[in-house]
PDB file of N, CA and C in Angstrom:
ATOM      1  N   MET A   1    -194.438 -62.057  78.781  1.00  0.00           N
ATOM      2  CA  MET A   1    -193.729 -61.512  80.015  1.00  0.00           C
ATOM      3  C   MET A   1    -192.258 -61.818  79.734  1.00  0.00           C
ATOM      4  N   MET A   2    -191.680 -60.825  79.729  1.00  0.00           N
ATOM      5  CA  MET A   2    -189.968 -60.941  79.717  1.00  0.00           C
ATOM      6  C   MET A   2    -189.389 -61.066  80.923  1.00  0.00           C
ATOM      7  N   LEU A   3    -188.538 -62.061  81.186  1.00  0.00           N
ATOM      8  CA  LEU A   3    -187.617 -62.065  82.423  1.00  0.00           C
ATOM      9  C   LEU A   3    -186.215 -61.526  82.150  1.00  0.00           C
ATOM     10  N   THR A   4    -185.687 -60.871  83.295  1.00  0.00           N
ATOM     11  CA  THR A   4    -184.365 -60.454  83.394  1.00  0.00           C
ATOM     12  C   THR A   4    -183.558 -61.647  83.521  1.00  0.00           C
ATOM     13  N   ASN A   5    -182.197 -61.520  83.399  1.00  0.00           N
ATOM     14  CA  ASN A   5    -181.329 -62.520  83.751  1.00  0.00           C
ATOM     15  C   ASN A   5    -181.435 -62.952  85.277  1.00  0.00           C
ATOM     16  N   GLU A   6    -181.355 -61.812  86.112  1.00  0.00           N
ATOM     17  CA  GLU A   6    -181.419 -62.094  87.411  1.00  0.00           C
ATOM     18  C   GLU A   6    -182.791 -62.720  87.796  1.00  0.00           C
ATOM     19  N   GLU A   7    -183.809 -62.346  87.340  1.00  0.00           N
ATOM     20  CA  GLU A   7    -184.946 -63.103  87.698  1.00  0.00           C
ATOM     21  C   GLU A   7    -185.210 -64.381  87.120  1.00  0.00           C
ATOM     22  N   GLU A   8    -184.433 -64.886  86.170  1.00  0.00           N
ATOM     23  CA  GLU A   8    -184.313 -66.167  85.758  1.00  0.00           C
ATOM     24  C   GLU A   8    -183.503 -66.976  86.547  1.00  0.00           C
ATOM     25  N   GLN A   9    -182.528 -66.394  87.051  1.00  0.00           N
ATOM     26  CA  GLN A   9    -181.557 -67.160  88.013  1.00  0.00           C
ATOM     27  C   GLN A   9    -182.203 -67.417  89.296  1.00  0.00           C
ATOM     28  N   LEU A  10    -183.095 -66.198  89.739  1.00  0.00           N
ATOM     29  CA  LEU A  10    -183.777 -66.569  90.910  1.00  0.00           C
ATOM     30  C   LEU A  10    -184.718 -67.663  90.915  1.00  0.00           C
ATOM     31  N   ARG A  11    -185.533 -67.663  89.739  1.00  0.00           N
ATOM     32  CA  ARG A  11    -186.559 -68.686  89.543  1.00  0.00           C
ATOM     33  C   ARG A  11    -185.952 -70.076  89.560  1.00  0.00           C
ATOM     34  N   ARG A  12    -184.717 -70.145  88.910  1.00  0.00           N
ATOM     35  CA  ARG A  12    -183.972 -71.348  88.883  1.00  0.00           C
ATOM     36  C   ARG A  12    -183.572 -71.926  90.278  1.00  0.00           C
ATOM     37  N   ALA A  13    -183.018 -71.078  91.062  1.00  0.00           N
ATOM     38  CA  ALA A  13    -182.635 -71.234  92.464  1.00  0.00           C
ATOM     39  C   ALA A  13    -183.883 -71.716  93.106  1.00  0.00           C
ATOM     40  N   LEU A  14    -184.950 -70.957  93.081  1.00  0.00           N
ATOM     41  CA  LEU A  14    -186.070 -71.371  93.893  1.00  0.00           C
ATOM     42  C   LEU A  14    -186.808 -72.668  93.438  1.00  0.00           C
ATOM     43  N   THR A  15    -186.687 -72.952  92.172  1.00  0.00           N
ATOM     44  CA  THR A  15    -187.203 -74.321  91.731  1.00  0.00           C
ATOM     45  C   THR A  15    -186.365 -75.225  92.327  1.00  0.00           C
ATOM     46  N   PHE A  16    -185.000 -75.310  92.299  1.00  0.00           N
ATOM     47  CA  PHE A  16    -184.117 -76.201  92.778  1.00  0.00           C
ATOM     48  C   PHE A  16    -184.464 -76.272  94.401  1.00  0.00           C
ATOM     49  N   ALA A  17    -184.647 -75.137  95.070  1.00  0.00           N
ATOM     50  CA  ALA A  17    -184.918 -75.394  96.464  1.00  0.00           C
ATOM     51  C   ALA A  17    -186.085 -76.306  96.831  1.00  0.00           C
ATOM     52  N   GLU A  18    -187.251 -76.207  95.926  1.00  0.00           N
ATOM     53  CA  GLU A  18    -188.343 -76.737  96.271  1.00  0.00           C
ATOM     54  C   GLU A  18    -188.257 -78.257  96.416  1.00  0.00           C
ATOM     55  N   SER A  19    -187.231 -78.890  95.551  1.00  0.00           N
ATOM     56  CA  SER A  19    -187.105 -80.291  95.610  1.00  0.00           C
ATOM     57  C   SER A  19    -186.454 -80.673  96.785  1.00  0.00           C
ATOM     58  N   VAL A  20    -185.700 -79.790  97.214  1.00  0.00           N
ATOM     59  CA  VAL A  20    -184.702 -80.084  98.371  1.00  0.00           C
ATOM     60  C   VAL A  20    -185.455 -79.931  99.897  1.00  0.00           C
ATOM     61  N   VAL A  21    -186.419 -79.007 100.003  1.00  0.00           N
ATOM     62  CA  VAL A  21    -186.937 -78.780 101.043  1.00  0.00           C
ATOM     63  C   VAL A  21    -188.020 -79.757 101.274  1.00  0.00           C
ATOM     64  N   PRO A  22    -188.101 -80.539 102.531  1.00  0.00           N
ATOM     65  CA  PRO A  22    -189.154 -81.481 102.557  1.00  0.00           C
ATOM     66  C   PRO A  22    -190.583 -80.741 102.776  1.00  0.00           C
ATOM     67  N   GLU A  23    -191.562 -81.596 102.455  1.00  0.00           N
ATOM     68  CA  GLU A  23    -192.959 -81.059 102.676  1.00  0.00           C
ATOM     69  C   GLU A  23    -193.306 -80.883 104.009  1.00  0.00           C
ATOM     70  N   ARG A  24    -192.729 -81.880 104.877  1.00  0.00           N
ATOM     71  CA  ARG A  24    -193.040 -81.820 106.365  1.00  0.00           C
ATOM     72  C   ARG A  24    -191.771 -81.947 107.223  1.00  0.00           C
ATOM     73  N   ILE A  25    -191.773 -81.346 108.234  1.00  0.00           N
ATOM     74  CA  ILE A  25    -190.443 -81.332 109.176  1.00  0.00           C
ATOM     75  C   ILE A  25    -190.809 -82.618 110.175  1.00  0.00           C
ATOM     76  N   ALA A  26    -189.847 -83.414 110.282  1.00  0.00           N
ATOM     77  CA  ALA A  26    -189.947 -84.564 110.988  1.00  0.00           C
ATOM     78  C   ALA A  26    -189.889 -84.066 112.446  1.00  0.00           C
ATOM     79  N   ALA A  27    -191.102 -84.366 113.189  1.00  0.00           N
ATOM     80  CA  ALA A  27    -191.232 -83.896 114.547  1.00  0.00           C
ATOM     81  C   ALA A  27    -191.281 -85.155 115.767  1.00  0.00           C
ATOM     82  N   ASP A  28    -190.697 -86.237 115.171  1.00  0.00           N
ATOM     83  CA  ASP A  28    -190.559 -87.428 116.053  1.00  0.00           C
ATOM     84  C   ASP A  28    -189.873 -86.878 117.336  1.00  0.00           C
ATOM     85  N   SER A  29    -190.252 -87.057 118.555  1.00  0.00           N
ATOM     86  CA  SER A  29    -189.689 -86.794 119.702  1.00  0.00           C
ATOM     87  C   SER A  29    -188.373 -87.151 119.928  1.00  0.00           C
ATOM     88  N   GLU A  30    -188.015 -88.497 119.446  1.00  0.00           N
ATOM     89  CA  GLU A  30    -186.847 -89.064 119.614  1.00  0.00           C
ATOM     90  C   GLU A  30    -185.854 -88.380 118.743  1.00  0.00           C
ATOM     91  N   ILE A  31    -186.244 -88.218 117.572  1.00  0.00           N
ATOM     92  CA  ILE A  31    -185.304 -87.525 116.602  1.00  0.00           C
ATOM     93  C   ILE A  31    -185.019 -86.038 117.018  1.00  0.00           C
ATOM     94  N   VAL A  32    -185.983 -85.306 117.517  1.00  0.00           N
ATOM     95  CA  VAL A  32    -185.798 -83.827 117.943  1.00  0.00           C
ATOM     96  C   VAL A  32    -184.794 -84.026 119.319  1.00  0.00           C
ATOM     97  N   GLU A  33    -185.070 -84.807 120.074  1.00  0.00           N
ATOM     98  CA  GLU A  33    -184.068 -85.089 121.171  1.00  0.00           C
ATOM     99  C   GLU A  33    -182.867 -85.259 120.944  1.00  0.00           C
ATOM    100  N   ASN A  34    -182.533 -86.263 119.952  1.00  0.00           N
ATOM    101  CA  ASN A  34    -181.222 -86.661 119.560  1.00  0.00           C
ATOM    102  C   ASN A  34    -180.489 -85.513 118.842  1.00  0.00           C
ATOM    103  N   GLY A  35    -181.288 -84.834 117.958  1.00  0.00           N
ATOM    104  CA  GLY A  35    -180.830 -83.615 117.336  1.00  0.00           C
ATOM    105  C   GLY A  35    -180.321 -82.661 118.229  1.00  0.00           C
ATOM    106  N   LEU A  36    -181.081 -82.359 119.125  1.00  0.00           N
ATOM    107  CA  LEU A  36    -180.728 -81.264 120.280  1.00  0.00           C
ATOM    108  C   LEU A  36    -179.489 -81.762 121.010  1.00  0.00           C
ATOM    109  N   ALA A  37    -179.551 -83.063 121.405  1.00  0.00           N
ATOM    110  CA  ALA A  37    -178.370 -83.611 122.096  1.00  0.00           C
ATOM    111  C   ALA A  37    -176.986 -83.376 121.412  1.00  0.00           C
ATOM    112  N   LYS A  38    -177.193 -83.627 120.020  1.00  0.00           N
ATOM    113  CA  LYS A  38    -176.197 -83.616 119.168  1.00  0.00           C
ATOM    114  C   LYS A  38    -175.666 -82.184 119.083  1.00  0.00           C
ATOM    115  N   LEU A  39    -176.366 -81.313 119.132  1.00  0.00           N
ATOM    116  CA  LEU A  39    -176.080 -79.833 118.756  1.00  0.00           C
ATOM    117  C   LEU A  39    -175.432 -79.547 120.203  1.00  0.00           C
ATOM    118  N   VAL A  40    -176.061 -79.658 121.329  1.00  0.00           N
ATOM    119  CA  VAL A  40    -175.556 -79.146 122.585  1.00  0.00           C
ATOM    120  C   VAL A  40    -174.193 -79.830 122.870  1.00  0.00           C
ATOM    121  N   LEU A  41    -174.076 -80.899 122.706  1.00  0.00           N
ATOM    122  CA  LEU A  41    -172.771 -81.707 122.953  1.00  0.00           C
ATOM    123  C   LEU A  41    -171.626 -81.360 121.839  1.00  0.00           C
ATOM    124  N   SER A  42    -172.121 -80.807 120.651  1.00  0.00           N
ATOM    125  CA  SER A  42    -171.047 -80.194 119.718  1.00  0.00           C
ATOM    126  C   SER A  42    -170.689 -79.027 120.177  1.00  0.00           C
ATOM    127  N   ILE A  43    -171.362 -78.057 120.736  1.00  0.00           N
ATOM    128  CA  ILE A  43    -170.987 -76.853 121.354  1.00  0.00           C
ATOM    129  C   ILE A  43    -170.082 -76.949 122.566  1.00  0.00           C
ATOM    130  N   VAL A  44    -170.505 -77.981 123.367  1.00  0.00           N
ATOM    131  CA  VAL A  44    -169.698 -78.294 124.439  1.00  0.00           C
ATOM    132  C   VAL A  44    -168.460 -78.789 124.285  1.00  0.00           C
ATOM    133  N   GLU A  45    -168.335 -79.782 123.242  1.00  0.00           N
ATOM    134  CA  GLU A  45    -167.144 -80.184 122.768  1.00  0.00           C
ATOM    135  C   GLU A  45    -166.227 -79.073 122.287  1.00  0.00           C
ATOM    136  N   LEU A  46    -166.642 -78.325 121.417  1.00  0.00           N
ATOM    137  CA  LEU A  46    -166.011 -77.179 120.825  1.00  0.00           C
ATOM    138  C   LEU A  46    -165.342 -76.290 122.038  1.00  0.00           C
ATOM    139  N   VAL A  47    -166.211 -75.901 123.019  1.00  0.00           N
ATOM    140  CA  VAL A  47    -165.752 -75.056 124.112  1.00  0.00           C
ATOM    141  C   VAL A  47    -164.724 -75.737 124.935  1.00  0.00           C
ATOM    142  N   ARG A  48    -164.809 -77.188 125.131  1.00  0.00           N
ATOM    143  CA  ARG A  48    -163.801 -77.945 125.907  1.00  0.00           C
ATOM    144  C   ARG A  48    -162.613 -77.979 125.125  1.00  0.00           C
ATOM    145  N   LYS A  49    -162.579 -78.085 123.798  1.00  0.00           N
ATOM    146  CA  LYS A  49    -161.315 -78.030 123.072  1.00  0.00           C
ATOM    147  C   LYS A  49    -160.596 -76.767 123.204  1.00  0.00           C
ATOM    148  N   LEU A  50    -161.346 -75.614 123.114  1.00  0.00           N
ATOM    149  CA  LEU A  50    -160.863 -74.385 123.084  1.00  0.00           C
ATOM    150  C   LEU A  50    -160.271 -74.219 124.646  1.00  0.00           C
ATOM    151  N   LEU A  51    -160.854 -74.670 125.765  1.00  0.00           N
ATOM    152  CA  LEU A  51    -160.441 -74.360 127.067  1.00  0.00           C
ATOM    153  C   LEU A  51    -159.001 -75.248 127.214  1.00  0.00           C
ATOM    154  N   GLU A  52    -159.116 -76.465 126.504  1.00  0.00           N
ATOM    155  CA  GLU A  52    -157.818 -77.158 126.708  1.00  0.00           C
ATOM    156  C   GLU A  52    -156.771 -76.561 125.999  1.00  0.00           C
ATOM    157  N   LYS A  53    -157.031 -75.978 124.770  1.00  0.00           N
ATOM    158  CA  LYS A  53    -155.823 -75.281 124.095  1.00  0.00           C
ATOM    159  C   LYS A  53    -155.315 -74.156 124.838  1.00  0.00           C
ATOM    160  N   GLN A  54    -156.252 -73.271 125.460  1.00  0.00           N
ATOM    161  CA  GLN A  54    -156.067 -72.056 126.250  1.00  0.00           C
ATOM    162  C   GLN A  54    -155.037 -72.576 127.571  1.00  0.00           C
ATOM    163  N   ALA A  55    -155.624 -73.651 128.173  1.00  0.00           N
ATOM    164  CA  ALA A  55    -154.962 -74.088 129.292  1.00  0.00           C
ATOM    165  C   ALA A  55    -153.479 -74.455 128.999  1.00  0.00           C
ATOM    166  N   LEU A  56    -153.136 -75.294 127.780  1.00  0.00           N
ATOM    167  CA  LEU A  56    -151.935 -75.549 127.344  1.00  0.00           C
ATOM    168  C   LEU A  56    -151.110 -74.383 127.142  1.00  0.00           C
ATOM    169  N   ARG A  57    -151.758 -73.400 126.541  1.00  0.00           N
ATOM    170  CA  ARG A  57    -150.765 -72.072 126.200  1.00  0.00           C
ATOM    171  C   ARG A  57    -150.362 -71.554 127.479  1.00  0.00           C
ATOM    172  N   ARG A  58    -151.318 -71.365 128.387  1.00  0.00           N
ATOM    173  CA  ARG A  58    -150.959 -70.811 129.611  1.00  0.00           C
ATOM    174  C   ARG A  58    -150.049 -71.663 130.395  1.00  0.00           C
ATOM    175  N   MET A  59    -149.897 -72.801 130.362  1.00  0.00           N
ATOM    176  CA  MET A  59    -148.992 -73.734 130.919  1.00  0.00           C
ATOM    177  C   MET A  59    -147.638 -73.357 130.419  1.00  0.00           C
ATOM    178  N   ASP A  60    -147.547 -73.479 129.031  1.00  0.00           N
ATOM    179  CA  ASP A  60    -146.424 -73.315 128.235  1.00  0.00           C
ATOM    180  C   ASP A  60    -145.813 -72.005 128.521  1.00  0.00           C
ATOM    181  N   ALA A  61    -146.756 -70.925 128.835  1.00  0.00           N
ATOM    182  CA  ALA A  61    -146.116 -69.532 129.058  1.00  0.00           C
ATOM    183  C   ALA A  61    -145.729 -69.391 130.524  1.00  0.00           C
ATOM    184  N   GLY A  62    -146.117 -70.353 131.368  1.00  0.00           N
ATOM    185  CA  GLY A  62    -145.597 -70.233 132.898  1.00  0.00           C
ATOM    186  C   GLY A  62    -146.669 -69.446 133.596  1.00  0.00           C
ATOM    187  N   ASN A  63    -147.954 -69.307 133.020  1.00  0.00           N
ATOM    188  CA  ASN A  63    -148.873 -68.395 133.712  1.00  0.00           C
ATOM    189  C   ASN A  63    -149.853 -69.150 134.741  1.00  0.00           C
ATOM    190  N   LEU A  64    -149.623 -70.475 135.007  1.00  0.00           N
ATOM    191  CA  LEU A  64    -150.357 -71.258 135.969  1.00  0.00           C
ATOM    192  C   LEU A  64    -149.469 -71.837 136.986  1.00  0.00           C
ATOM    193  N   THR A  65    -149.938 -71.721 138.024  1.00  0.00           N
ATOM    194  CA  THR A  65    -149.192 -72.390 139.446  1.00  0.00           C
ATOM    195  C   THR A  65    -149.589 -73.855 139.241  1.00  0.00           C
ATOM    196  N   ASP A  66    -148.539 -74.647 140.021  1.00  0.00           N
ATOM    197  CA  ASP A  66    -148.752 -76.136 139.889  1.00  0.00           C
ATOM    198  C   ASP A  66    -150.281 -76.542 140.350  1.00  0.00           C
ATOM    199  N   ASP A  67    -150.723 -75.799 141.372  1.00  0.00           N
ATOM    200  CA  ASP A  67    -152.087 -76.198 141.790  1.00  0.00           C
ATOM    201  C   ASP A  67    -153.057 -75.816 140.727  1.00  0.00           C
ATOM    202  N   GLU A  68    -153.046 -74.665 140.116  1.00  0.00           N
ATOM    203  CA  GLU A  68    -153.856 -74.266 138.969  1.00  0.00           C
ATOM    204  C   GLU A  68    -153.914 -75.404 137.960  1.00  0.00           C
ATOM    205  N   ILE A  69    -152.659 -75.800 137.705  1.00  0.00           N
ATOM    206  CA  ILE A  69    -152.737 -76.958 136.446  1.00  0.00           C
ATOM    207  C   ILE A  69    -153.318 -78.127 136.826  1.00  0.00           C
ATOM    208  N   GLU A  70    -153.107 -78.517 138.394  1.00  0.00           N
ATOM    209  CA  GLU A  70    -153.843 -79.837 138.765  1.00  0.00           C
ATOM    210  C   GLU A  70    -155.283 -79.615 138.697  1.00  0.00           C
ATOM    211  N   ARG A  71    -155.876 -78.395 139.182  1.00  0.00           N
ATOM    212  CA  ARG A  71    -157.271 -78.180 139.063  1.00  0.00           C
ATOM    213  C   ARG A  71    -157.711 -78.183 137.551  1.00  0.00           C
ATOM    214  N   VAL A  72    -157.050 -77.380 136.750  1.00  0.00           N
ATOM    215  CA  VAL A  72    -157.627 -77.389 135.326  1.00  0.00           C
ATOM    216  C   VAL A  72    -157.507 -78.909 134.694  1.00  0.00           C
ATOM    217  N   GLY A  73    -156.468 -79.526 134.911  1.00  0.00           N
ATOM    218  CA  GLY A  73    -156.394 -80.843 134.489  1.00  0.00           C
ATOM    219  C   GLY A  73    -157.629 -81.800 135.012  1.00  0.00           C
ATOM    220  N   ALA A  74    -157.875 -81.645 136.347  1.00  0.00           N
ATOM    221  CA  ALA A  74    -158.851 -82.515 136.870  1.00  0.00           C
ATOM    222  C   ALA A  74    -160.273 -82.025 136.274  1.00  0.00           C
ATOM    223  N   ALA A  75    -160.490 -80.821 136.059  1.00  0.00           N
ATOM    224  CA  ALA A  75    -161.821 -80.311 135.568  1.00  0.00           C
ATOM    225  C   ALA A  75    -161.894 -80.845 134.099  1.00  0.00           C
ATOM    226  N   LEU A  76    -160.837 -80.669 133.483  1.00  0.00           N
ATOM    227  CA  LEU A  76    -160.978 -81.091 131.960  1.00  0.00           C
ATOM    228  C   LEU A  76    -161.084 -82.829 131.721  1.00  0.00           C
ATOM    229  N   MET A  77    -160.558 -83.391 132.632  1.00  0.00           N
ATOM    230  CA  MET A  77    -160.718 -85.073 132.704  1.00  0.00           C
ATOM    231  C   MET A  77    -162.134 -85.202 133.056  1.00  0.00           C
ATOM    232  N   LYS A  78    -162.704 -84.502 133.983  1.00  0.00           N
ATOM    233  CA  LYS A  78    -164.273 -84.876 134.470  1.00  0.00           C
ATOM    234  C   LYS A  78    -165.051 -84.405 133.302  1.00  0.00           C
ATOM    235  N   LEU A  79    -164.902 -83.232 132.544  1.00  0.00           N
ATOM    236  CA  LEU A  79    -165.638 -82.925 131.551  1.00  0.00           C
ATOM    237  C   LEU A  79    -165.677 -83.943 130.402  1.00  0.00           C
ATOM    238  N   GLU A  80    -164.307 -84.415 130.079  1.00  0.00           N
ATOM    239  CA  GLU A  80    -164.184 -85.575 129.059  1.00  0.00           C
ATOM    240  C   GLU A  80    -165.019 -86.774 129.360  1.00  0.00           C
ATOM    241  N   GLU A  81    -164.926 -87.238 130.766  1.00  0.00           N
ATOM    242  CA  GLU A  81    -165.715 -88.398 131.197  1.00  0.00           C
ATOM    243  C   GLU A  81    -167.216 -88.058 131.060  1.00  0.00           C
ATOM    244  N   LYS A  82    -167.611 -87.144 131.400  1.00  0.00           N
ATOM    245  CA  LYS A  82    -169.037 -86.778 131.128  1.00  0.00           C
ATOM    246  C   LYS A  82    -169.366 -86.793 129.903  1.00  0.00           C
ATOM    247  N   MET A  83    -168.659 -86.177 128.961  1.00  0.00           N
ATOM    248  CA  MET A  83    -169.000 -86.021 127.447  1.00  0.00           C
ATOM    249  C   MET A  83    -168.867 -87.582 127.072  1.00  0.00           C
ATOM    250  N   ALA A  84    -168.190 -88.517 127.395  1.00  0.00           N
ATOM    251  CA  ALA A  84    -168.258 -89.697 126.858  1.00  0.00           C
ATOM    252  C   ALA A  84    -169.571 -90.506 127.415  1.00  0.00           C
ATOM    253  N   GLU A  85    -169.883 -90.104 128.528  1.00  0.00           N
ATOM    254  CA  GLU A  85    -171.182 -90.800 129.032  1.00  0.00           C
ATOM    255  C   GLU A  85    -172.275 -90.174 128.389  1.00  0.00           C
ATOM    256  N   LEU A  86    -172.212 -88.928 127.939  1.00  0.00           N
ATOM    257  CA  LEU A  86    -173.500 -88.363 127.475  1.00  0.00           C
ATOM    258  C   LEU A  86    -173.509 -88.915 125.979  1.00  0.00           C
ATOM    259  N   LYS A  87    -172.544 -89.192 125.129  1.00  0.00           N
ATOM    260  CA  LYS A  87    -172.380 -89.615 124.008  1.00  0.00           C
ATOM    261  C   LYS A  87    -172.868 -91.100 124.021  1.00  0.00           C
ATOM    262  N   ARG A  88    -172.462 -91.898 124.909  1.00  0.00           N
ATOM    263  CA  ARG A  88    -173.067 -93.237 125.030  1.00  0.00           C
ATOM    264  C   ARG A  88    -174.570 -93.110 125.134  1.00  0.00           C
ATOM    265  N   THR A  89    -175.117 -92.204 125.979  1.00  0.00           N
ATOM    266  CA  THR A  89    -176.556 -92.337 126.339  1.00  0.00           C
ATOM    267  C   THR A  89    -177.378 -91.782 125.067  1.00  0.00           C
ATOM    268  N   PHE A  90    -176.602 -91.007 124.369  1.00  0.00           N
ATOM    269  CA  PHE A  90    -177.458 -90.426 123.044  1.00  0.00           C
ATOM    270  C   PHE A  90    -177.028 -91.272 121.614  1.00  0.00           C
ATOM    271  N   GLY A  91    -176.099 -92.093 122.026  1.00  0.00           N
ATOM    272  CA  GLY A  91    -175.750 -92.866 120.694  1.00  0.00           C
ATOM    273  C   GLY A  91    -174.964 -92.179 119.856  1.00  0.00           C
ATOM    274  N   LEU A  92    -174.201 -91.163 120.155  1.00  0.00           N
ATOM    275  CA  LEU A  92    -173.279 -90.327 119.439  1.00  0.00           C
ATOM    276  C   LEU A  92    -171.921 -90.791 119.451  1.00  0.00           C
ATOM    277  N   SER A  93    -171.096 -90.469 118.287  1.00  0.00           N
ATOM    278  CA  SER A  93    -169.755 -90.527 118.294  1.00  0.00           C
ATOM    279  C   SER A  93    -168.997 -89.265 118.227  1.00  0.00           C
ATOM    280  N   ASP A  94    -167.623 -89.317 118.332  1.00  0.00           N
ATOM    281  CA  ASP A  94    -166.919 -88.225 118.088  1.00  0.00           C
ATOM    282  C   ASP A  94    -166.994 -87.611 116.715  1.00  0.00           C
ATOM    283  N   GLU A  95    -167.271 -88.329 115.628  1.00  0.00           N
ATOM    284  CA  GLU A  95    -167.463 -87.849 114.234  1.00  0.00           C
ATOM    285  C   GLU A  95    -168.756 -87.020 114.213  1.00  0.00           C
ATOM    286  N   ASP A  96    -169.861 -87.586 114.971  1.00  0.00           N
ATOM    287  CA  ASP A  96    -171.179 -86.873 115.016  1.00  0.00           C
ATOM    288  C   ASP A  96    -170.982 -85.337 115.461  1.00  0.00           C
ATOM    289  N   LEU A  97    -170.089 -85.323 116.473  1.00  0.00           N
ATOM    290  CA  LEU A  97    -169.840 -83.939 117.019  1.00  0.00           C
ATOM    291  C   LEU A  97    -168.916 -83.027 116.443  1.00  0.00           C
ATOM    292  N   ASN A  98    -168.444 -83.453 115.462  1.00  0.00           N
ATOM    293  CA  ASN A  98    -167.211 -82.578 114.717  1.00  0.00           C
ATOM    294  C   ASN A  98    -167.991 -81.603 113.857  1.00  0.00           C
ATOM    295  N   LEU A  99    -167.856 -80.374 114.459  1.00  0.00           N
ATOM    296  CA  LEU A  99    -168.351 -79.164 113.850  1.00  0.00           C
ATOM    297  C   LEU A  99    -167.219 -78.723 112.926  1.00  0.00           C
ATOM    298  N   LYS A 100    -167.738 -78.636 111.624  1.00  0.00           N
ATOM    299  CA  LYS A 100    -166.711 -78.243 110.612  1.00  0.00           C
ATOM    300  C   LYS A 100    -166.647 -76.757 110.300  1.00  0.00           C
ATOM    301  N   LEU A 101    -165.876 -76.172 111.231  1.00  0.00           N
ATOM    302  CA  LEU A 101    -165.506 -74.894 111.359  1.00  0.00           C
ATOM    303  C   LEU A 101    -164.362 -74.289 110.527  1.00  0.00           C
ATOM    304  N   GLY A 102    -163.628 -75.257 110.085  1.00  0.00           N
ATOM    305  CA  GLY A 102    -162.297 -74.778 109.458  1.00  0.00           C
ATOM    306  C   GLY A 102    -161.455 -74.527 110.623  1.00  0.00           C
ATOM    307  N   PRO A 103    -160.278 -74.266 110.339  1.00  0.00           N
ATOM    308  CA  PRO A 103    -159.179 -73.885 111.367  1.00  0.00           C
ATOM    309  C   PRO A 103    -159.651 -72.829 112.407  1.00  0.00           C
ATOM    310  N   VAL A 104    -159.467 -72.971 113.633  1.00  0.00           N
ATOM    311  CA  VAL A 104    -160.057 -72.129 114.741  1.00  0.00           C
ATOM    312  C   VAL A 104    -158.534 -71.728 115.381  1.00  0.00           C
ATOM    313  N   LYS A 105    -158.350 -70.277 115.093  1.00  0.00           N
ATOM    314  CA  LYS A 105    -157.208 -69.766 115.611  1.00  0.00           C
ATOM    315  C   LYS A 105    -157.495 -69.125 116.898  1.00  0.00           C
ATOM    316  N   MET A 106    -156.742 -69.440 118.052  1.00  0.00           N
ATOM    317  CA  MET A 106    -156.967 -68.929 119.225  1.00  0.00           C
ATOM    318  C   MET A 106    -156.383 -67.632 119.324  1.00  0.00           C
ATOM    319  N   TRP A 107    -156.782 -66.772 119.986  1.00  0.00           N
ATOM    320  CA  TRP A 107    -156.189 -65.341 120.008  1.00  0.00           C
ATOM    321  C   TRP A 107    -155.504 -65.371 121.493  1.00  0.00           C
ATOM    322  N   GLU A 108    -154.539 -64.506 121.647  1.00  0.00           N
ATOM    323  CA  GLU A 108    -153.815 -64.393 122.844  1.00  0.00           C
ATOM    324  C   GLU A 108    -154.166 -63.275 123.504  1.00  0.00           C
TER     325      GLU A 108
END
């Protein structure tokens, strides 16, 4: 049987993947819970950062009243406090929640 170059590349890729993919998935409830918490908190942290940047842009542009600035600031502070509490609860750090998405450009 003669293999084409593409078939040989595919075979090598699959052979490499076999050694990387675990035979069993770790289904320990504590590991699953911690992984889920890390995912959810990472997403919440990303949204929090985006909201904070958007609020700063709107403040700089003069699009917020003093009352709105006060409310946004208080809401962001509460969210930050809650995030710190949840990170402590699940034993996570800021580095654990760092989604490596590259530069995020905010649109206007």
